Amino acid sequence: MTDDEAAARRTKILTAARWCFLNFGFAKTAFEDIAKRAGLSRTLLYRLFKDKEDIYRAVFVDWLVSRHPAARKAAKGPGSAYERMLTVCRLMALEPWAEMVRAPMGSEFLAACERIDPESDALHHKVALECFASILGDEASAEVFVLALDGLLADQPSVEVLEERTKVLAGRFAQSTKKKAVRS
C-alpha cells in the first residue's frame, strides 16, 4: 500500500468514526459500526487503532486540531480585526458546530473529548486564545472573548443563529481594539 493509499484509508476511517460518534455518541459507538461505515473489517481497524478512545482522539485531532495552522494564519493575516476574528471563529467554532448541531449526539462530542483527550482539548483552547490574543492585543480580552464564544453555544443554537451571535460578539470586541489603537 502506498503512502497516499494509507492516508486515504485513514481519512475514510476518521470520517466514518466522526459520523458514528456524532450520530450514536461515544458510548454507543462500537468498532463494528466504524468498520462497517468505512467499508473495512473490524480486524483491520484494530491494527490501526488500539481502542475506541484511540480512534476518538484521532478524530478530534483530524477534525479540529488540524484547523490550527489555518486559524493562526488568519489571525495574523490581512483584514480588519473584525474580519480576522470572524475567520478564526469560522474555522475553530462555526464550521465544526455546523456538523455537530445537526447530529443527534453532536452536543456530547466536545464533552467527551474533554474527558477522553484533555491534552488535545487544552491545545485547541490554547490555540484559540493565542489567535484571539494576537488580534485583540492582549490575553485578558482573548480569554473573555473565548469564554463568551463558548457561552454562545449554551442553548445549542442553529448555525445561522450562532453566526449572527458571533458577528455581534466579534463586532463588540473589534471596537475595543480600535479604541486601544486610538489611545496609543
N, C-alpha and C. Protein backbone atom coordinates (compact mmCIF):
# COMPACT_ATOMS: atom_id res chain seq x y z
N MET A 1 0.85 -1.18 0.00
CA MET A 1 0.00 0.00 0.00
C MET A 1 0.89 1.24 0.00
N THR A 2 0.59 2.19 -0.86
CA THR A 2 1.38 3.42 -0.93
C THR A 2 1.00 4.34 0.22
N ASP A 3 1.82 5.34 0.44
CA ASP A 3 1.52 6.33 1.48
C ASP A 3 0.20 7.04 1.19
N ASP A 4 -0.04 7.36 -0.07
CA ASP A 4 -1.28 8.03 -0.44
C ASP A 4 -2.50 7.15 -0.17
N GLU A 5 -2.37 5.87 -0.46
CA GLU A 5 -3.47 4.93 -0.21
C GLU A 5 -3.72 4.78 1.30
N ALA A 6 -2.64 4.73 2.07
CA ALA A 6 -2.77 4.64 3.53
C ALA A 6 -3.43 5.90 4.09
N ALA A 7 -3.02 7.06 3.57
CA ALA A 7 -3.62 8.33 4.02
C ALA A 7 -5.10 8.39 3.65
N ALA A 8 -5.44 7.93 2.47
CA ALA A 8 -6.85 7.91 2.04
C ALA A 8 -7.67 6.97 2.92
N ARG A 9 -7.10 5.82 3.27
CA ARG A 9 -7.79 4.87 4.15
C ARG A 9 -8.02 5.49 5.53
N ARG A 10 -6.99 6.13 6.05
CA ARG A 10 -7.10 6.77 7.37
C ARG A 10 -8.19 7.85 7.34
N THR A 11 -8.21 8.66 6.30
CA THR A 11 -9.23 9.70 6.17
C THR A 11 -10.62 9.09 6.14
N LYS A 12 -10.76 8.01 5.39
CA LYS A 12 -12.05 7.31 5.29
C LYS A 12 -12.49 6.78 6.66
N ILE A 13 -11.56 6.24 7.40
CA ILE A 13 -11.86 5.71 8.75
C ILE A 13 -12.26 6.83 9.68
N LEU A 14 -11.50 7.92 9.68
CA LEU A 14 -11.78 9.02 10.61
C LEU A 14 -13.10 9.71 10.27
N THR A 15 -13.41 9.81 9.00
CA THR A 15 -14.70 10.38 8.59
C THR A 15 -15.84 9.47 9.05
N ALA A 16 -15.68 8.19 8.87
CA ALA A 16 -16.70 7.23 9.32
C ALA A 16 -16.84 7.27 10.84
N ALA A 17 -15.73 7.32 11.54
CA ALA A 17 -15.77 7.36 13.01
C ALA A 17 -16.44 8.64 13.50
N ARG A 18 -16.09 9.77 12.89
CA ARG A 18 -16.71 11.04 13.30
C ARG A 18 -18.23 10.94 13.11
N TRP A 19 -18.67 10.41 11.97
CA TRP A 19 -20.10 10.26 11.73
C TRP A 19 -20.74 9.39 12.82
N CYS A 20 -20.11 8.28 13.15
CA CYS A 20 -20.65 7.39 14.18
C CYS A 20 -20.71 8.08 15.54
N PHE A 21 -19.63 8.76 15.92
CA PHE A 21 -19.63 9.43 17.23
C PHE A 21 -20.68 10.53 17.29
N LEU A 22 -20.85 11.27 16.21
CA LEU A 22 -21.83 12.35 16.19
C LEU A 22 -23.26 11.82 16.15
N ASN A 23 -23.46 10.65 15.58
CA ASN A 23 -24.81 10.13 15.45
C ASN A 23 -25.21 9.13 16.53
N PHE A 24 -24.25 8.37 17.05
CA PHE A 24 -24.56 7.37 18.07
C PHE A 24 -24.05 7.77 19.45
N GLY A 25 -23.09 8.69 19.51
CA GLY A 25 -22.44 9.04 20.76
C GLY A 25 -21.25 8.14 21.01
N PHE A 26 -20.38 8.57 21.88
CA PHE A 26 -19.18 7.78 22.16
C PHE A 26 -19.53 6.42 22.76
N ALA A 27 -20.40 6.43 23.77
CA ALA A 27 -20.71 5.19 24.49
C ALA A 27 -21.36 4.13 23.59
N LYS A 28 -22.19 4.54 22.66
CA LYS A 28 -22.92 3.58 21.84
C LYS A 28 -22.27 3.27 20.50
N THR A 29 -21.13 3.89 20.23
CA THR A 29 -20.41 3.57 19.00
C THR A 29 -19.49 2.39 19.26
N ALA A 30 -19.59 1.39 18.42
CA ALA A 30 -18.72 0.22 18.51
C ALA A 30 -17.74 0.23 17.35
N PHE A 31 -16.61 -0.45 17.53
CA PHE A 31 -15.64 -0.59 16.45
C PHE A 31 -16.33 -1.16 15.20
N GLU A 32 -17.26 -2.07 15.42
CA GLU A 32 -18.00 -2.68 14.31
C GLU A 32 -18.74 -1.62 13.50
N ASP A 33 -19.35 -0.63 14.18
CA ASP A 33 -20.06 0.45 13.50
C ASP A 33 -19.11 1.24 12.60
N ILE A 34 -17.96 1.58 13.15
CA ILE A 34 -16.97 2.36 12.40
C ILE A 34 -16.45 1.55 11.21
N ALA A 35 -16.12 0.31 11.46
CA ALA A 35 -15.60 -0.55 10.39
C ALA A 35 -16.62 -0.69 9.27
N LYS A 36 -17.85 -0.93 9.63
CA LYS A 36 -18.90 -1.11 8.62
C LYS A 36 -19.08 0.18 7.81
N ARG A 37 -19.13 1.32 8.49
CA ARG A 37 -19.31 2.60 7.79
C ARG A 37 -18.11 2.90 6.88
N ALA A 38 -16.91 2.51 7.29
CA ALA A 38 -15.71 2.75 6.50
C ALA A 38 -15.50 1.69 5.43
N GLY A 39 -16.29 0.62 5.47
CA GLY A 39 -16.15 -0.46 4.50
C GLY A 39 -14.91 -1.31 4.71
N LEU A 40 -14.54 -1.48 5.98
CA LEU A 40 -13.35 -2.26 6.33
C LEU A 40 -13.71 -3.33 7.34
N SER A 41 -12.80 -4.23 7.57
CA SER A 41 -13.03 -5.23 8.61
C SER A 41 -12.66 -4.64 9.98
N ARG A 42 -13.31 -5.15 10.99
CA ARG A 42 -13.01 -4.71 12.35
C ARG A 42 -11.56 -5.06 12.71
N THR A 43 -11.08 -6.19 12.21
CA THR A 43 -9.71 -6.62 12.46
C THR A 43 -8.72 -5.59 11.94
N LEU A 44 -8.95 -5.10 10.74
CA LEU A 44 -8.06 -4.08 10.17
C LEU A 44 -8.11 -2.80 11.00
N LEU A 45 -9.28 -2.45 11.45
CA LEU A 45 -9.43 -1.25 12.29
C LEU A 45 -8.60 -1.39 13.57
N TYR A 46 -8.62 -2.59 14.17
CA TYR A 46 -7.83 -2.82 15.38
C TYR A 46 -6.32 -2.78 15.10
N ARG A 47 -5.92 -3.07 13.89
CA ARG A 47 -4.49 -2.96 13.55
C ARG A 47 -4.04 -1.51 13.52
N LEU A 48 -4.98 -0.62 13.20
CA LEU A 48 -4.65 0.80 13.06
C LEU A 48 -4.88 1.60 14.33
N PHE A 49 -5.85 1.20 15.13
CA PHE A 49 -6.21 1.91 16.36
C PHE A 49 -6.37 0.89 17.48
N LYS A 50 -5.78 1.16 18.64
CA LYS A 50 -5.79 0.16 19.70
C LYS A 50 -7.15 0.01 20.38
N ASP A 51 -7.93 1.11 20.44
CA ASP A 51 -9.24 1.04 21.07
C ASP A 51 -10.08 2.23 20.63
N LYS A 52 -11.30 2.31 21.14
CA LYS A 52 -12.23 3.35 20.75
C LYS A 52 -11.72 4.74 21.17
N GLU A 53 -11.09 4.83 22.32
CA GLU A 53 -10.53 6.11 22.77
C GLU A 53 -9.44 6.59 21.80
N ASP A 54 -8.64 5.67 21.32
CA ASP A 54 -7.57 5.99 20.38
C ASP A 54 -8.14 6.58 19.09
N ILE A 55 -9.18 5.98 18.58
CA ILE A 55 -9.78 6.50 17.35
C ILE A 55 -10.50 7.81 17.62
N TYR A 56 -11.09 7.97 18.80
CA TYR A 56 -11.76 9.22 19.15
C TYR A 56 -10.74 10.36 19.18
N ARG A 57 -9.60 10.11 19.81
CA ARG A 57 -8.52 11.12 19.82
C ARG A 57 -8.12 11.49 18.40
N ALA A 58 -7.96 10.48 17.57
CA ALA A 58 -7.55 10.73 16.18
C ALA A 58 -8.61 11.55 15.43
N VAL A 59 -9.88 11.28 15.70
CA VAL A 59 -10.96 12.06 15.07
C VAL A 59 -10.86 13.52 15.51
N PHE A 60 -10.68 13.76 16.81
CA PHE A 60 -10.61 15.13 17.31
C PHE A 60 -9.42 15.87 16.70
N VAL A 61 -8.29 15.22 16.66
CA VAL A 61 -7.09 15.86 16.09
C VAL A 61 -7.29 16.12 14.61
N ASP A 62 -7.80 15.13 13.90
CA ASP A 62 -8.00 15.28 12.46
C ASP A 62 -9.03 16.36 12.14
N TRP A 63 -10.08 16.42 12.90
CA TRP A 63 -11.19 17.32 12.60
C TRP A 63 -10.98 18.72 13.14
N LEU A 64 -10.50 18.85 14.36
CA LEU A 64 -10.41 20.17 14.98
C LEU A 64 -8.98 20.69 15.11
N VAL A 65 -8.07 19.89 15.58
CA VAL A 65 -6.70 20.36 15.78
C VAL A 65 -6.05 20.67 14.43
N SER A 66 -6.46 19.96 13.39
CA SER A 66 -5.89 20.23 12.06
C SER A 66 -6.25 21.62 11.54
N ARG A 67 -7.19 22.27 12.16
CA ARG A 67 -7.60 23.63 11.77
C ARG A 67 -6.67 24.71 12.34
N HIS A 68 -5.83 24.34 13.26
CA HIS A 68 -4.99 25.33 13.95
C HIS A 68 -4.08 26.13 13.02
N PRO A 69 -3.35 25.51 12.09
CA PRO A 69 -2.49 26.32 11.22
C PRO A 69 -3.27 27.38 10.43
N ALA A 70 -4.43 27.01 9.91
CA ALA A 70 -5.24 27.98 9.16
C ALA A 70 -5.74 29.09 10.07
N ALA A 71 -6.12 28.75 11.30
CA ALA A 71 -6.59 29.76 12.25
C ALA A 71 -5.47 30.72 12.63
N ARG A 72 -4.29 30.18 12.87
CA ARG A 72 -3.14 31.05 13.20
C ARG A 72 -2.82 31.98 12.04
N LYS A 73 -2.86 31.46 10.84
CA LYS A 73 -2.58 32.27 9.64
C LYS A 73 -3.63 33.37 9.49
N ALA A 74 -4.89 33.03 9.70
CA ALA A 74 -5.96 34.01 9.59
C ALA A 74 -5.83 35.10 10.65
N ALA A 75 -5.43 34.71 11.86
CA ALA A 75 -5.30 35.69 12.95
C ALA A 75 -4.24 36.73 12.65
N LYS A 76 -3.18 36.33 11.97
CA LYS A 76 -2.09 37.24 11.65
C LYS A 76 -2.19 37.83 10.24
N GLY A 77 -3.20 37.40 9.51
CA GLY A 77 -3.33 37.78 8.10
C GLY A 77 -3.88 39.18 7.90
N PRO A 78 -4.20 39.48 6.66
CA PRO A 78 -4.73 40.80 6.33
C PRO A 78 -6.19 40.93 6.77
N GLY A 79 -6.66 42.14 6.77
CA GLY A 79 -8.05 42.40 7.12
C GLY A 79 -8.16 43.10 8.46
N SER A 80 -9.33 43.59 8.71
CA SER A 80 -9.60 44.27 9.98
C SER A 80 -9.63 43.25 11.11
N ALA A 81 -9.58 43.74 12.33
CA ALA A 81 -9.67 42.85 13.50
C ALA A 81 -10.98 42.07 13.44
N TYR A 82 -12.05 42.73 13.06
CA TYR A 82 -13.36 42.09 12.96
C TYR A 82 -13.32 40.95 11.94
N GLU A 83 -12.79 41.20 10.77
CA GLU A 83 -12.73 40.18 9.72
C GLU A 83 -11.87 39.00 10.15
N ARG A 84 -10.75 39.28 10.78
CA ARG A 84 -9.88 38.19 11.23
C ARG A 84 -10.53 37.39 12.34
N MET A 85 -11.22 38.07 13.25
CA MET A 85 -11.92 37.35 14.33
C MET A 85 -13.00 36.43 13.76
N LEU A 86 -13.74 36.93 12.78
CA LEU A 86 -14.78 36.09 12.17
C LEU A 86 -14.18 34.89 11.45
N THR A 87 -13.05 35.09 10.79
CA THR A 87 -12.42 33.97 10.09
C THR A 87 -11.95 32.91 11.08
N VAL A 88 -11.32 33.35 12.17
CA VAL A 88 -10.88 32.39 13.19
C VAL A 88 -12.08 31.69 13.82
N CYS A 89 -13.13 32.43 14.09
CA CYS A 89 -14.36 31.82 14.65
C CYS A 89 -14.94 30.81 13.68
N ARG A 90 -14.95 31.13 12.40
CA ARG A 90 -15.48 30.21 11.40
C ARG A 90 -14.69 28.91 11.41
N LEU A 91 -13.35 29.03 11.44
CA LEU A 91 -12.50 27.84 11.41
C LEU A 91 -12.58 27.01 12.69
N MET A 92 -12.52 27.69 13.81
CA MET A 92 -12.41 26.99 15.09
C MET A 92 -13.76 26.60 15.72
N ALA A 93 -14.83 27.31 15.36
CA ALA A 93 -16.10 27.06 16.03
C ALA A 93 -17.27 26.84 15.07
N LEU A 94 -17.48 27.75 14.15
CA LEU A 94 -18.68 27.68 13.32
C LEU A 94 -18.74 26.45 12.41
N GLU A 95 -17.66 26.18 11.70
CA GLU A 95 -17.67 25.01 10.79
C GLU A 95 -17.84 23.69 11.56
N PRO A 96 -17.09 23.48 12.64
CA PRO A 96 -17.34 22.24 13.40
C PRO A 96 -18.75 22.20 13.99
N TRP A 97 -19.22 23.35 14.49
CA TRP A 97 -20.55 23.39 15.08
C TRP A 97 -21.62 23.03 14.06
N ALA A 98 -21.44 23.45 12.83
CA ALA A 98 -22.41 23.15 11.78
C ALA A 98 -22.63 21.65 11.66
N GLU A 99 -21.59 20.88 11.80
CA GLU A 99 -21.73 19.43 11.72
C GLU A 99 -22.26 18.86 13.03
N MET A 100 -21.80 19.40 14.15
CA MET A 100 -22.22 18.88 15.45
C MET A 100 -23.70 19.11 15.72
N VAL A 101 -24.17 20.32 15.45
CA VAL A 101 -25.54 20.68 15.82
C VAL A 101 -26.57 19.90 15.00
N ARG A 102 -26.20 19.45 13.84
CA ARG A 102 -27.14 18.70 13.00
C ARG A 102 -27.15 17.20 13.33
N ALA A 103 -26.27 16.76 14.19
CA ALA A 103 -26.17 15.34 14.51
C ALA A 103 -26.86 15.05 15.85
N PRO A 104 -27.51 13.89 15.94
CA PRO A 104 -28.23 13.56 17.17
C PRO A 104 -27.39 13.61 18.45
N MET A 105 -26.13 13.19 18.37
CA MET A 105 -25.28 13.16 19.56
C MET A 105 -24.15 14.20 19.48
N GLY A 106 -24.30 15.15 18.61
CA GLY A 106 -23.26 16.16 18.42
C GLY A 106 -22.95 16.97 19.67
N SER A 107 -23.97 17.22 20.47
CA SER A 107 -23.76 18.03 21.66
C SER A 107 -22.82 17.40 22.66
N GLU A 108 -22.69 16.09 22.62
CA GLU A 108 -21.81 15.42 23.57
C GLU A 108 -20.37 15.30 23.07
N PHE A 109 -20.13 15.62 21.80
CA PHE A 109 -18.82 15.39 21.20
C PHE A 109 -17.70 16.10 21.97
N LEU A 110 -17.85 17.40 22.21
CA LEU A 110 -16.78 18.15 22.89
C LEU A 110 -16.63 17.73 24.35
N ALA A 111 -17.74 17.45 25.00
CA ALA A 111 -17.67 16.99 26.39
C ALA A 111 -16.92 15.67 26.48
N ALA A 112 -17.18 14.79 25.54
CA ALA A 112 -16.47 13.51 25.53
C ALA A 112 -14.99 13.72 25.27
N CYS A 113 -14.67 14.69 24.43
CA CYS A 113 -13.26 14.94 24.15
C CYS A 113 -12.54 15.47 25.40
N GLU A 114 -13.20 16.35 26.14
CA GLU A 114 -12.60 16.85 27.38
C GLU A 114 -12.24 15.70 28.31
N ARG A 115 -13.08 14.69 28.33
CA ARG A 115 -12.89 13.53 29.20
C ARG A 115 -11.85 12.56 28.64
N ILE A 116 -11.90 12.29 27.34
CA ILE A 116 -11.05 11.27 26.73
C ILE A 116 -9.67 11.78 26.35
N ASP A 117 -9.61 13.03 25.86
CA ASP A 117 -8.34 13.59 25.39
C ASP A 117 -8.17 15.02 25.88
N PRO A 118 -7.97 15.18 27.18
CA PRO A 118 -7.87 16.54 27.71
C PRO A 118 -6.69 17.33 27.14
N GLU A 119 -5.63 16.64 26.72
CA GLU A 119 -4.47 17.36 26.17
C GLU A 119 -4.82 18.04 24.85
N SER A 120 -5.48 17.32 23.95
CA SER A 120 -5.88 17.91 22.67
C SER A 120 -6.93 19.00 22.87
N ASP A 121 -7.85 18.76 23.80
CA ASP A 121 -8.86 19.77 24.11
C ASP A 121 -8.19 21.03 24.64
N ALA A 122 -7.22 20.88 25.53
CA ALA A 122 -6.49 22.04 26.07
C ALA A 122 -5.71 22.75 24.96
N LEU A 123 -5.12 21.98 24.07
CA LEU A 123 -4.39 22.57 22.94
C LEU A 123 -5.34 23.39 22.07
N HIS A 124 -6.50 22.86 21.79
CA HIS A 124 -7.48 23.58 20.97
C HIS A 124 -7.85 24.91 21.62
N HIS A 125 -8.08 24.88 22.92
CA HIS A 125 -8.41 26.09 23.68
C HIS A 125 -7.23 27.07 23.66
N LYS A 126 -6.03 26.55 23.85
CA LYS A 126 -4.83 27.39 23.86
C LYS A 126 -4.62 28.10 22.52
N VAL A 127 -4.81 27.38 21.43
CA VAL A 127 -4.63 27.97 20.11
C VAL A 127 -5.69 29.04 19.87
N ALA A 128 -6.92 28.79 20.28
CA ALA A 128 -7.97 29.81 20.15
C ALA A 128 -7.57 31.07 20.92
N LEU A 129 -7.08 30.89 22.14
CA LEU A 129 -6.63 32.05 22.93
C LEU A 129 -5.50 32.79 22.24
N GLU A 130 -4.52 32.05 21.72
CA GLU A 130 -3.40 32.69 21.03
C GLU A 130 -3.87 33.49 19.82
N CYS A 131 -4.76 32.90 19.05
CA CYS A 131 -5.27 33.58 17.85
C CYS A 131 -5.98 34.88 18.23
N PHE A 132 -6.88 34.80 19.19
CA PHE A 132 -7.64 35.99 19.56
C PHE A 132 -6.77 37.01 20.29
N ALA A 133 -5.78 36.55 21.04
CA ALA A 133 -4.86 37.49 21.70
C ALA A 133 -4.05 38.26 20.65
N SER A 134 -3.64 37.58 19.58
CA SER A 134 -2.88 38.28 18.55
C SER A 134 -3.74 39.30 17.82
N ILE A 135 -5.03 39.06 17.73
CA ILE A 135 -5.94 40.02 17.09
C ILE A 135 -6.30 41.15 18.04
N LEU A 136 -6.65 40.80 19.27
CA LEU A 136 -7.14 41.78 20.23
C LEU A 136 -6.02 42.55 20.94
N GLY A 137 -4.83 41.99 20.93
CA GLY A 137 -3.70 42.70 21.53
C GLY A 137 -3.42 42.38 22.97
N ASP A 138 -4.25 41.56 23.60
CA ASP A 138 -3.95 41.16 24.98
C ASP A 138 -4.66 39.87 25.33
N GLU A 139 -4.06 39.13 26.25
CA GLU A 139 -4.58 37.81 26.63
C GLU A 139 -5.88 37.88 27.43
N ALA A 140 -6.03 38.92 28.26
CA ALA A 140 -7.25 39.03 29.07
C ALA A 140 -8.48 39.19 28.18
N SER A 141 -8.39 40.04 27.19
CA SER A 141 -9.52 40.22 26.25
C SER A 141 -9.78 38.93 25.49
N ALA A 142 -8.72 38.25 25.09
CA ALA A 142 -8.88 36.99 24.36
C ALA A 142 -9.59 35.96 25.23
N GLU A 143 -9.22 35.88 26.49
CA GLU A 143 -9.85 34.93 27.41
C GLU A 143 -11.34 35.22 27.55
N VAL A 144 -11.70 36.49 27.71
CA VAL A 144 -13.11 36.85 27.83
C VAL A 144 -13.85 36.53 26.52
N PHE A 145 -13.21 36.82 25.40
CA PHE A 145 -13.84 36.52 24.11
C PHE A 145 -14.10 35.03 23.96
N VAL A 146 -13.12 34.19 24.27
CA VAL A 146 -13.28 32.74 24.13
C VAL A 146 -14.37 32.24 25.08
N LEU A 147 -14.40 32.74 26.30
CA LEU A 147 -15.46 32.35 27.23
C LEU A 147 -16.83 32.75 26.71
N ALA A 148 -16.92 33.96 26.16
CA ALA A 148 -18.19 34.43 25.60
C ALA A 148 -18.58 33.58 24.38
N LEU A 149 -17.61 33.26 23.55
CA LEU A 149 -17.87 32.42 22.38
C LEU A 149 -18.39 31.05 22.82
N ASP A 150 -17.78 30.46 23.83
CA ASP A 150 -18.27 29.19 24.38
C ASP A 150 -19.71 29.34 24.88
N GLY A 151 -19.98 30.46 25.50
CA GLY A 151 -21.32 30.71 26.02
C GLY A 151 -22.38 30.81 24.94
N LEU A 152 -21.98 31.23 23.75
CA LEU A 152 -22.93 31.33 22.64
C LEU A 152 -23.49 29.97 22.23
N LEU A 153 -22.81 28.91 22.64
CA LEU A 153 -23.23 27.55 22.28
C LEU A 153 -24.17 26.93 23.31
N ALA A 154 -24.36 27.60 24.44
CA ALA A 154 -25.05 27.01 25.58
C ALA A 154 -26.45 26.48 25.25
N ASP A 155 -27.19 27.18 24.42
CA ASP A 155 -28.55 26.73 24.10
C ASP A 155 -28.62 25.96 22.79
N GLN A 156 -27.46 25.53 22.31
CA GLN A 156 -27.33 24.74 21.09
C GLN A 156 -28.08 25.38 19.92
N PRO A 157 -27.65 26.59 19.56
CA PRO A 157 -28.35 27.32 18.50
C PRO A 157 -28.12 26.72 17.12
N SER A 158 -28.95 27.13 16.20
CA SER A 158 -28.73 26.74 14.81
C SER A 158 -27.45 27.43 14.32
N VAL A 159 -26.94 26.97 13.21
CA VAL A 159 -25.72 27.56 12.65
C VAL A 159 -25.95 29.03 12.33
N GLU A 160 -27.12 29.34 11.78
CA GLU A 160 -27.43 30.72 11.41
C GLU A 160 -27.47 31.63 12.65
N VAL A 161 -28.08 31.16 13.71
CA VAL A 161 -28.14 31.95 14.95
C VAL A 161 -26.74 32.11 15.53
N LEU A 162 -25.96 31.05 15.55
CA LEU A 162 -24.60 31.14 16.08
C LEU A 162 -23.76 32.12 15.25
N GLU A 163 -23.94 32.09 13.95
CA GLU A 163 -23.18 33.00 13.08
C GLU A 163 -23.54 34.46 13.40
N GLU A 164 -24.81 34.75 13.56
CA GLU A 164 -25.24 36.12 13.90
C GLU A 164 -24.71 36.54 15.27
N ARG A 165 -24.78 35.66 16.23
CA ARG A 165 -24.26 35.96 17.57
C ARG A 165 -22.76 36.23 17.52
N THR A 166 -22.06 35.42 16.73
CA THR A 166 -20.62 35.58 16.60
C THR A 166 -20.28 36.93 15.99
N LYS A 167 -21.05 37.35 15.01
CA LYS A 167 -20.82 38.66 14.39
C LYS A 167 -20.99 39.79 15.41
N VAL A 168 -22.03 39.68 16.22
CA VAL A 168 -22.25 40.70 17.26
C VAL A 168 -21.09 40.71 18.25
N LEU A 169 -20.70 39.53 18.72
CA LEU A 169 -19.61 39.42 19.69
C LEU A 169 -18.30 39.96 19.11
N ALA A 170 -17.96 39.52 17.91
CA ALA A 170 -16.72 39.98 17.28
C ALA A 170 -16.76 41.49 17.05
N GLY A 171 -17.92 42.00 16.67
CA GLY A 171 -18.06 43.44 16.46
C GLY A 171 -17.78 44.23 17.73
N ARG A 172 -18.26 43.76 18.84
CA ARG A 172 -18.03 44.45 20.13
C ARG A 172 -16.54 44.42 20.50
N PHE A 173 -15.92 43.28 20.34
CA PHE A 173 -14.51 43.18 20.69
C PHE A 173 -13.62 43.90 19.69
N ALA A 174 -13.99 43.90 18.44
CA ALA A 174 -13.20 44.61 17.43
C ALA A 174 -13.24 46.11 17.69
N GLN A 175 -14.36 46.62 18.19
CA GLN A 175 -14.46 48.04 18.54
C GLN A 175 -13.45 48.39 19.63
N SER A 176 -13.27 47.48 20.58
CA SER A 176 -12.32 47.76 21.66
C SER A 176 -10.89 47.83 21.14
N THR A 177 -10.56 47.09 20.09
CA THR A 177 -9.20 47.17 19.53
C THR A 177 -9.00 48.49 18.83
N LYS A 178 -10.06 49.03 18.21
CA LYS A 178 -9.96 50.34 17.58
C LYS A 178 -9.72 51.42 18.63
N LYS A 179 -10.42 51.31 19.77
CA LYS A 179 -10.25 52.30 20.85
C LYS A 179 -8.85 52.23 21.41
N LYS A 180 -8.30 51.01 21.57
CA LYS A 180 -6.93 50.86 22.06
C LYS A 180 -5.94 51.51 21.10
N ALA A 181 -6.17 51.31 19.80
CA ALA A 181 -5.26 51.86 18.79
C ALA A 181 -5.30 53.39 18.79
N VAL A 182 -6.49 53.96 19.01
CA VAL A 182 -6.61 55.42 19.05
C VAL A 182 -5.91 55.98 20.27
N ARG A 183 -6.01 55.30 21.40
CA ARG A 183 -5.36 55.75 22.65
C ARG A 183 -3.84 55.67 22.58
N SER A 184 -3.32 54.74 21.81
CA SER A 184 -1.87 54.52 21.76
C SER A 184 -1.13 55.58 21.02
